[in-house]
Amino acid sequence: MRAQPWMWITWPAFLVAGLMEVLVFAFVDPQDLHWFGRDLDLSRQAIYTLAFFAFWGLAMLSSALTMLLAQSSAEVNDSVA
């Protein structure tokens, strides 16, 4: 696969993940988070990092789905064959 479509997916997703990180953690203290009723035994920096990659992954999934849905039927059939 060419590199350009990957950049169309990852770069906007990176920007959205950064924005989500700022918006979420402007209102949420990472030390106040709980997972299945238990405190997270991670540093703030670790929680910020894990959250960023989770946001980035979800944004990449959204961008990839948008690119898939934007393809014509001929493009989809050519890529399967």
Protein backbone atom coordinates (compact mmCIF):
# COMPACT_ATOMS: atom_id res chain seq x y z
CA MET A 1 0.00 0.00 0.00
CA ARG A 2 1.21 3.50 -0.76
CA ALA A 3 2.39 5.76 2.07
CA GLN A 4 0.10 8.67 1.21
CA PRO A 5 -3.18 7.03 2.34
CA TRP A 6 -1.52 6.10 5.64
CA MET A 7 -0.60 9.74 6.16
CA TRP A 8 -4.20 10.73 5.39
CA ILE A 9 -5.24 8.47 8.25
CA THR A 10 -2.51 8.97 10.86
CA TRP A 11 -1.78 12.70 10.70
CA PRO A 12 -5.34 14.01 11.27
CA ALA A 13 -5.82 11.29 13.90
CA PHE A 14 -2.66 12.47 15.68
CA LEU A 15 -3.98 16.03 15.78
CA VAL A 16 -7.39 14.92 17.06
CA ALA A 17 -5.76 12.72 19.73
CA GLY A 18 -3.73 15.69 20.94
CA LEU A 19 -6.85 17.85 21.11
CA MET A 20 -8.78 15.11 22.95
CA GLU A 21 -5.92 14.73 25.41
CA VAL A 22 -6.02 18.44 26.23
CA LEU A 23 -9.81 18.57 26.51
CA VAL A 24 -10.20 15.44 28.64
CA PHE A 25 -7.38 16.10 31.07
CA ALA A 26 -8.29 19.77 31.47
CA PHE A 27 -11.27 18.48 33.46
CA VAL A 28 -10.11 15.07 34.75
CA ASP A 29 -7.27 14.41 37.15
CA PRO A 30 -5.58 11.12 36.14
CA GLN A 31 -5.09 10.19 39.80
CA ASP A 32 -8.89 10.25 40.32
CA LEU A 33 -9.53 7.59 37.66
CA HIS A 34 -10.67 4.11 38.64
CA TRP A 35 -10.69 0.86 36.66
CA PHE A 36 -13.36 -1.66 37.72
CA GLY A 37 -13.65 0.06 41.09
CA ARG A 38 -9.92 0.02 41.80
CA ASP A 39 -7.42 2.86 41.68
CA LEU A 40 -5.03 2.88 38.75
CA ASP A 41 -1.52 2.23 40.05
CA LEU A 42 0.11 4.32 37.32
CA SER A 43 1.80 7.68 37.30
CA ARG A 44 0.08 10.68 35.76
CA GLN A 45 2.51 10.60 32.86
CA ALA A 46 1.73 6.91 32.19
CA ILE A 47 -2.00 7.62 32.18
CA TYR A 48 -1.52 10.59 29.83
CA THR A 49 0.53 8.40 27.50
CA LEU A 50 -1.90 5.48 27.48
CA ALA A 51 -4.85 7.81 26.98
CA PHE A 52 -3.12 9.55 24.08
CA PHE A 53 -2.48 6.26 22.29
CA ALA A 54 -6.06 5.12 22.95
CA PHE A 55 -7.40 8.40 21.53
CA TRP A 56 -5.02 8.13 18.58
CA GLY A 57 -6.07 4.55 17.84
CA LEU A 58 -9.77 5.43 17.92
CA ALA A 59 -9.22 8.46 15.70
CA MET A 60 -7.20 6.37 13.21
CA LEU A 61 -9.99 3.80 13.14
CA SER A 62 -12.48 6.57 12.39
CA SER A 63 -10.29 8.03 9.63
CA ALA A 64 -9.70 4.61 8.08
CA LEU A 65 -13.41 3.86 8.10
CA THR A 66 -14.10 7.20 6.41
CA MET A 67 -11.53 6.41 3.70
CA LEU A 68 -13.05 2.96 3.20
CA LEU A 69 -16.55 4.36 2.87
CA ALA A 70 -15.34 7.06 0.44
CA GLN A 71 -14.08 4.46 -2.05
CA SER A 72 -16.14 3.60 -5.08
CA SER A 73 -17.33 0.04 -5.59
CA ALA A 74 -14.77 -0.41 -8.39
CA GLU A 75 -11.92 0.56 -6.04
CA VAL A 76 -13.15 -1.85 -3.37
CA ASN A 77 -13.53 -4.69 -5.87
CA ASP A 78 -10.06 -4.04 -7.34
CA SER A 79 -8.42 -4.15 -3.91
CA VAL A 80 -10.09 -7.48 -3.06
CA ALA A 81 -9.11 -9.25 -6.26
